[in-house]
Amino acid sequence: MAFEQLIPRPLTLSGIQMYAPAVSGVYGITNANEWIYIGQANNIRDGLLAHLRDNLATLTVRAPVGFVFEACVEPHRSARLDRLTREYSPTSSSGSATPADGVVQRKQYGT
């Protein structure tokens, strides 16, 4: 099942501050051609801001431009993250692992 929110918001400081809620949930980062990251956080806004502070670290090479999200309470976040990761096949998920290495490193922001 796809993200509840289908239209990406701008992955900028002002875009995150305007659109990303300060609630528990999952989020995806896209470059308009592919999903490059699916993650989870206790606070979606803080999780996305952490990516900006890290200069989007390993994601920068893929030129991220937008994000989507959905609120999801903590007990259900991991299952939702797994389902979205299987559906979208991002180049990275909750860490810096790529599908080619067969390992997904769990990284959770806002804990």
N, C-alpha and C. Protein backbone atom coordinates (compact mmCIF):
# COMPACT_ATOMS: atom_id res chain seq x y z
N MET A 1 0.85 -1.18 0.00
CA MET A 1 0.00 0.00 0.00
C MET A 1 0.89 1.24 0.00
N ALA A 2 0.68 2.12 -0.93
CA ALA A 2 1.49 3.32 -1.11
C ALA A 2 1.37 4.30 0.06
N PHE A 3 2.28 5.27 0.08
CA PHE A 3 2.17 6.34 1.07
C PHE A 3 0.80 6.99 0.95
N GLU A 4 0.24 7.40 2.08
CA GLU A 4 -1.06 8.08 2.08
C GLU A 4 -0.98 9.39 1.31
N GLN A 5 0.12 10.10 1.45
CA GLN A 5 0.34 11.36 0.77
C GLN A 5 1.13 11.06 -0.50
N LEU A 6 0.60 11.36 -1.65
CA LEU A 6 1.25 10.98 -2.90
C LEU A 6 2.09 12.09 -3.53
N ILE A 7 1.78 13.33 -3.24
CA ILE A 7 2.49 14.46 -3.86
C ILE A 7 3.65 14.88 -2.99
N PRO A 8 4.89 14.75 -3.49
CA PRO A 8 6.06 15.14 -2.69
C PRO A 8 6.07 16.64 -2.39
N ARG A 9 6.54 16.94 -1.20
CA ARG A 9 6.76 18.32 -0.76
C ARG A 9 8.24 18.63 -0.97
N PRO A 10 8.60 19.92 -1.10
CA PRO A 10 10.01 20.25 -1.34
C PRO A 10 10.91 19.89 -0.15
N LEU A 11 12.01 19.24 -0.45
CA LEU A 11 12.97 18.84 0.58
C LEU A 11 13.94 20.00 0.82
N THR A 12 13.39 21.02 1.44
CA THR A 12 14.14 22.22 1.80
C THR A 12 13.80 22.55 3.25
N LEU A 13 14.58 23.42 3.85
CA LEU A 13 14.29 23.82 5.23
C LEU A 13 12.87 24.36 5.34
N SER A 14 12.50 25.29 4.46
CA SER A 14 11.15 25.86 4.54
C SER A 14 10.08 24.83 4.22
N GLY A 15 10.33 23.92 3.27
CA GLY A 15 9.36 22.89 2.94
C GLY A 15 9.12 21.94 4.10
N ILE A 16 10.19 21.56 4.77
CA ILE A 16 10.06 20.67 5.93
C ILE A 16 9.33 21.38 7.06
N GLN A 17 9.71 22.62 7.34
CA GLN A 17 9.06 23.36 8.41
C GLN A 17 7.58 23.58 8.13
N MET A 18 7.23 23.77 6.88
CA MET A 18 5.84 24.05 6.52
C MET A 18 4.98 22.79 6.48
N TYR A 19 5.50 21.70 5.95
CA TYR A 19 4.67 20.53 5.68
C TYR A 19 4.87 19.33 6.60
N ALA A 20 6.07 19.13 7.12
CA ALA A 20 6.33 17.93 7.91
C ALA A 20 5.84 18.11 9.35
N PRO A 21 4.99 17.22 9.82
CA PRO A 21 4.48 17.33 11.18
C PRO A 21 5.49 16.82 12.21
N ALA A 22 5.37 17.29 13.40
CA ALA A 22 6.23 16.87 14.52
C ALA A 22 5.55 15.70 15.24
N VAL A 23 5.30 14.62 14.48
CA VAL A 23 4.65 13.44 15.03
C VAL A 23 5.41 12.19 14.58
N SER A 24 5.15 11.09 15.23
CA SER A 24 5.73 9.81 14.89
C SER A 24 5.25 9.36 13.51
N GLY A 25 6.18 8.79 12.72
CA GLY A 25 5.74 8.30 11.42
C GLY A 25 6.86 7.81 10.53
N VAL A 26 6.50 7.59 9.27
CA VAL A 26 7.44 7.14 8.25
C VAL A 26 7.48 8.20 7.16
N TYR A 27 8.59 8.21 6.40
CA TYR A 27 8.72 9.20 5.33
C TYR A 27 9.58 8.64 4.21
N GLY A 28 9.39 9.20 3.04
CA GLY A 28 10.18 8.82 1.88
C GLY A 28 10.79 10.04 1.24
N ILE A 29 12.00 9.87 0.69
CA ILE A 29 12.70 10.95 0.00
C ILE A 29 12.89 10.52 -1.45
N THR A 30 12.58 11.43 -2.38
CA THR A 30 12.64 11.13 -3.80
C THR A 30 13.44 12.18 -4.56
N ASN A 31 13.91 11.79 -5.73
CA ASN A 31 14.58 12.76 -6.61
C ASN A 31 13.73 12.98 -7.85
N ALA A 32 12.48 12.64 -7.81
CA ALA A 32 11.49 12.76 -8.88
C ALA A 32 11.61 11.65 -9.92
N ASN A 33 12.68 10.87 -9.87
CA ASN A 33 12.83 9.73 -10.77
C ASN A 33 12.78 8.41 -10.04
N GLU A 34 13.16 8.42 -8.77
CA GLU A 34 13.22 7.18 -7.99
C GLU A 34 13.09 7.52 -6.51
N TRP A 35 12.69 6.52 -5.74
CA TRP A 35 12.68 6.66 -4.29
C TRP A 35 14.08 6.35 -3.81
N ILE A 36 14.67 7.28 -3.08
CA ILE A 36 16.05 7.07 -2.67
C ILE A 36 16.20 6.78 -1.18
N TYR A 37 15.14 6.98 -0.42
CA TYR A 37 15.24 6.72 1.02
C TYR A 37 13.84 6.54 1.60
N ILE A 38 13.69 5.55 2.45
CA ILE A 38 12.47 5.35 3.24
C ILE A 38 12.94 5.26 4.68
N GLY A 39 12.38 6.10 5.56
CA GLY A 39 12.82 6.10 6.94
C GLY A 39 11.67 6.24 7.92
N GLN A 40 12.02 6.25 9.19
CA GLN A 40 11.04 6.40 10.25
C GLN A 40 11.63 7.29 11.33
N ALA A 41 10.75 7.92 12.11
CA ALA A 41 11.22 8.80 13.17
C ALA A 41 10.12 8.98 14.22
N ASN A 42 10.54 9.25 15.44
CA ASN A 42 9.57 9.61 16.48
C ASN A 42 8.95 10.96 16.14
N ASN A 43 9.68 11.78 15.38
CA ASN A 43 9.24 13.11 14.97
C ASN A 43 9.65 13.26 13.50
N ILE A 44 8.68 13.21 12.60
CA ILE A 44 8.97 13.27 11.17
C ILE A 44 9.76 14.52 10.82
N ARG A 45 9.34 15.65 11.32
CA ARG A 45 10.04 16.91 11.02
C ARG A 45 11.50 16.84 11.44
N ASP A 46 11.76 16.38 12.66
CA ASP A 46 13.14 16.27 13.14
C ASP A 46 13.95 15.28 12.31
N GLY A 47 13.33 14.18 11.90
CA GLY A 47 14.02 13.19 11.08
C GLY A 47 14.46 13.79 9.75
N LEU A 48 13.57 14.52 9.09
CA LEU A 48 13.91 15.15 7.82
C LEU A 48 14.95 16.26 8.01
N LEU A 49 14.81 17.03 9.08
CA LEU A 49 15.80 18.08 9.35
C LEU A 49 17.18 17.48 9.62
N ALA A 50 17.22 16.31 10.24
CA ALA A 50 18.50 15.64 10.48
C ALA A 50 19.18 15.31 9.15
N HIS A 51 18.39 14.92 8.15
CA HIS A 51 18.96 14.66 6.81
C HIS A 51 19.56 15.94 6.24
N LEU A 52 18.88 17.06 6.41
CA LEU A 52 19.42 18.33 5.91
C LEU A 52 20.70 18.72 6.64
N ARG A 53 20.72 18.54 7.96
CA ARG A 53 21.92 18.87 8.74
C ARG A 53 23.11 18.02 8.30
N ASP A 54 22.82 16.79 7.92
CA ASP A 54 23.88 15.89 7.45
C ASP A 54 24.17 16.13 5.97
N ASN A 55 23.58 17.22 5.43
CA ASN A 55 23.69 17.50 4.00
C ASN A 55 23.21 16.31 3.18
N LEU A 56 22.24 15.62 3.73
CA LEU A 56 21.65 14.44 3.11
C LEU A 56 22.69 13.35 2.87
N ALA A 57 23.85 13.49 3.52
CA ALA A 57 24.93 12.49 3.52
C ALA A 57 25.01 11.68 2.23
N THR A 58 24.75 10.40 2.33
CA THR A 58 24.88 9.51 1.17
C THR A 58 23.78 9.74 0.14
N LEU A 59 22.73 10.48 0.50
CA LEU A 59 21.64 10.71 -0.44
C LEU A 59 21.96 11.80 -1.46
N THR A 60 22.91 12.68 -1.14
CA THR A 60 23.23 13.82 -1.99
C THR A 60 23.56 13.41 -3.42
N VAL A 61 24.26 12.32 -3.58
CA VAL A 61 24.66 11.87 -4.90
C VAL A 61 23.45 11.59 -5.80
N ARG A 62 22.31 11.30 -5.21
CA ARG A 62 21.09 11.02 -5.97
C ARG A 62 20.20 12.25 -6.15
N ALA A 63 20.66 13.41 -5.73
CA ALA A 63 19.95 14.69 -5.91
C ALA A 63 18.51 14.68 -5.40
N PRO A 64 18.30 14.48 -4.10
CA PRO A 64 16.94 14.47 -3.55
C PRO A 64 16.27 15.84 -3.68
N VAL A 65 14.97 15.83 -3.98
CA VAL A 65 14.24 17.08 -4.14
C VAL A 65 12.92 17.12 -3.37
N GLY A 66 12.39 15.97 -2.96
CA GLY A 66 11.09 15.99 -2.31
C GLY A 66 10.93 14.89 -1.28
N PHE A 67 9.88 15.04 -0.47
CA PHE A 67 9.58 14.04 0.55
C PHE A 67 8.07 13.86 0.68
N VAL A 68 7.69 12.69 1.11
CA VAL A 68 6.32 12.38 1.49
C VAL A 68 6.38 11.76 2.88
N PHE A 69 5.25 11.68 3.54
CA PHE A 69 5.24 11.14 4.90
C PHE A 69 3.86 10.65 5.24
N GLU A 70 3.79 9.92 6.32
CA GLU A 70 2.51 9.61 6.93
C GLU A 70 2.73 9.37 8.42
N ALA A 71 1.79 9.86 9.20
CA ALA A 71 1.84 9.65 10.64
C ALA A 71 1.59 8.17 10.92
N CYS A 72 2.32 7.66 11.89
CA CYS A 72 2.18 6.25 12.24
C CYS A 72 2.73 6.08 13.67
N VAL A 73 1.92 5.53 14.55
CA VAL A 73 2.36 5.37 15.93
C VAL A 73 3.49 4.35 16.02
N GLU A 74 4.33 4.52 17.01
CA GLU A 74 5.55 3.73 17.16
C GLU A 74 5.35 2.22 17.07
N PRO A 75 4.36 1.64 17.70
CA PRO A 75 4.26 0.18 17.62
C PRO A 75 4.07 -0.35 16.18
N HIS A 76 3.59 0.49 15.26
CA HIS A 76 3.31 0.06 13.89
C HIS A 76 4.31 0.58 12.86
N ARG A 77 5.21 1.45 13.29
CA ARG A 77 6.14 2.09 12.34
C ARG A 77 7.04 1.10 11.62
N SER A 78 7.64 0.17 12.34
CA SER A 78 8.57 -0.76 11.71
C SER A 78 7.89 -1.61 10.64
N ALA A 79 6.69 -2.09 10.93
CA ALA A 79 5.96 -2.89 9.95
C ALA A 79 5.61 -2.04 8.73
N ARG A 80 5.21 -0.81 8.97
CA ARG A 80 4.87 0.09 7.86
C ARG A 80 6.11 0.40 7.04
N LEU A 81 7.23 0.65 7.71
CA LEU A 81 8.50 0.91 7.03
C LEU A 81 8.87 -0.28 6.15
N ASP A 82 8.76 -1.49 6.67
CA ASP A 82 9.09 -2.69 5.90
C ASP A 82 8.20 -2.82 4.66
N ARG A 83 6.92 -2.56 4.83
CA ARG A 83 5.99 -2.67 3.70
C ARG A 83 6.29 -1.63 2.62
N LEU A 84 6.54 -0.39 3.03
CA LEU A 84 6.87 0.66 2.06
C LEU A 84 8.20 0.38 1.36
N THR A 85 9.16 -0.15 2.11
CA THR A 85 10.47 -0.48 1.53
C THR A 85 10.31 -1.56 0.46
N ARG A 86 9.51 -2.57 0.74
CA ARG A 86 9.28 -3.62 -0.26
C ARG A 86 8.56 -3.06 -1.50
N GLU A 87 7.59 -2.17 -1.27
CA GLU A 87 6.81 -1.63 -2.38
C GLU A 87 7.61 -0.67 -3.26
N TYR A 88 8.37 0.22 -2.64
CA TYR A 88 9.07 1.26 -3.39
C TYR A 88 10.50 0.89 -3.79
N SER A 89 11.10 -0.08 -3.13
CA SER A 89 12.49 -0.48 -3.41
C SER A 89 13.43 0.72 -3.51
N PRO A 90 13.55 1.49 -2.43
CA PRO A 90 14.42 2.67 -2.46
C PRO A 90 15.89 2.25 -2.54
N THR A 91 16.73 3.19 -2.95
CA THR A 91 18.16 2.89 -3.01
C THR A 91 18.74 2.79 -1.62
N SER A 92 18.03 3.33 -0.60
CA SER A 92 18.46 3.24 0.79
C SER A 92 17.23 3.23 1.68
N SER A 93 17.35 2.60 2.84
CA SER A 93 16.22 2.53 3.75
C SER A 93 16.69 2.53 5.19
N SER A 94 16.27 3.53 5.94
CA SER A 94 16.60 3.63 7.37
C SER A 94 18.08 3.42 7.65
N GLY A 95 18.91 3.95 6.85
CA GLY A 95 20.35 3.83 7.00
C GLY A 95 21.02 4.07 5.68
N SER A 96 22.22 3.57 5.52
CA SER A 96 22.94 3.82 4.29
C SER A 96 23.13 2.58 3.43
N ALA A 97 22.46 1.50 3.77
CA ALA A 97 22.61 0.28 2.99
C ALA A 97 21.89 0.41 1.65
N THR A 98 22.37 -0.26 0.66
CA THR A 98 21.72 -0.28 -0.64
C THR A 98 21.16 -1.67 -0.87
N PRO A 99 20.17 -1.80 -1.75
CA PRO A 99 19.59 -3.12 -1.98
C PRO A 99 20.61 -4.14 -2.45
N ALA A 100 21.64 -3.70 -3.15
CA ALA A 100 22.64 -4.63 -3.68
C ALA A 100 23.38 -5.39 -2.57
N ASP A 101 23.55 -4.77 -1.41
CA ASP A 101 24.30 -5.46 -0.36
C ASP A 101 23.40 -6.36 0.50
N GLY A 102 22.09 -6.27 0.27
CA GLY A 102 21.17 -7.16 0.95
C GLY A 102 20.98 -6.87 2.43
N VAL A 103 21.49 -5.74 2.91
CA VAL A 103 21.39 -5.41 4.33
C VAL A 103 20.70 -4.07 4.48
N VAL A 104 19.74 -4.00 5.34
CA VAL A 104 19.10 -2.74 5.66
C VAL A 104 19.48 -2.39 7.08
N GLN A 105 20.18 -1.29 7.26
CA GLN A 105 20.58 -0.85 8.59
C GLN A 105 19.46 0.01 9.16
N ARG A 106 19.04 -0.30 10.36
CA ARG A 106 17.99 0.48 11.00
C ARG A 106 18.57 1.74 11.60
N LYS A 107 18.05 2.87 11.20
CA LYS A 107 18.46 4.14 11.77
C LYS A 107 17.18 4.91 12.02
N GLN A 108 16.97 5.27 13.25
CA GLN A 108 15.73 5.92 13.63
C GLN A 108 16.06 7.28 14.22
N TYR A 109 15.48 8.31 13.65
CA TYR A 109 15.73 9.65 14.17
C TYR A 109 14.74 10.00 15.26
N GLY A 110 15.16 10.87 16.14
CA GLY A 110 14.28 11.39 17.16
C GLY A 110 14.05 10.47 18.33
N THR A 111 14.98 9.57 18.58
CA THR A 111 14.79 8.67 19.74
C THR A 111 15.51 9.21 20.94
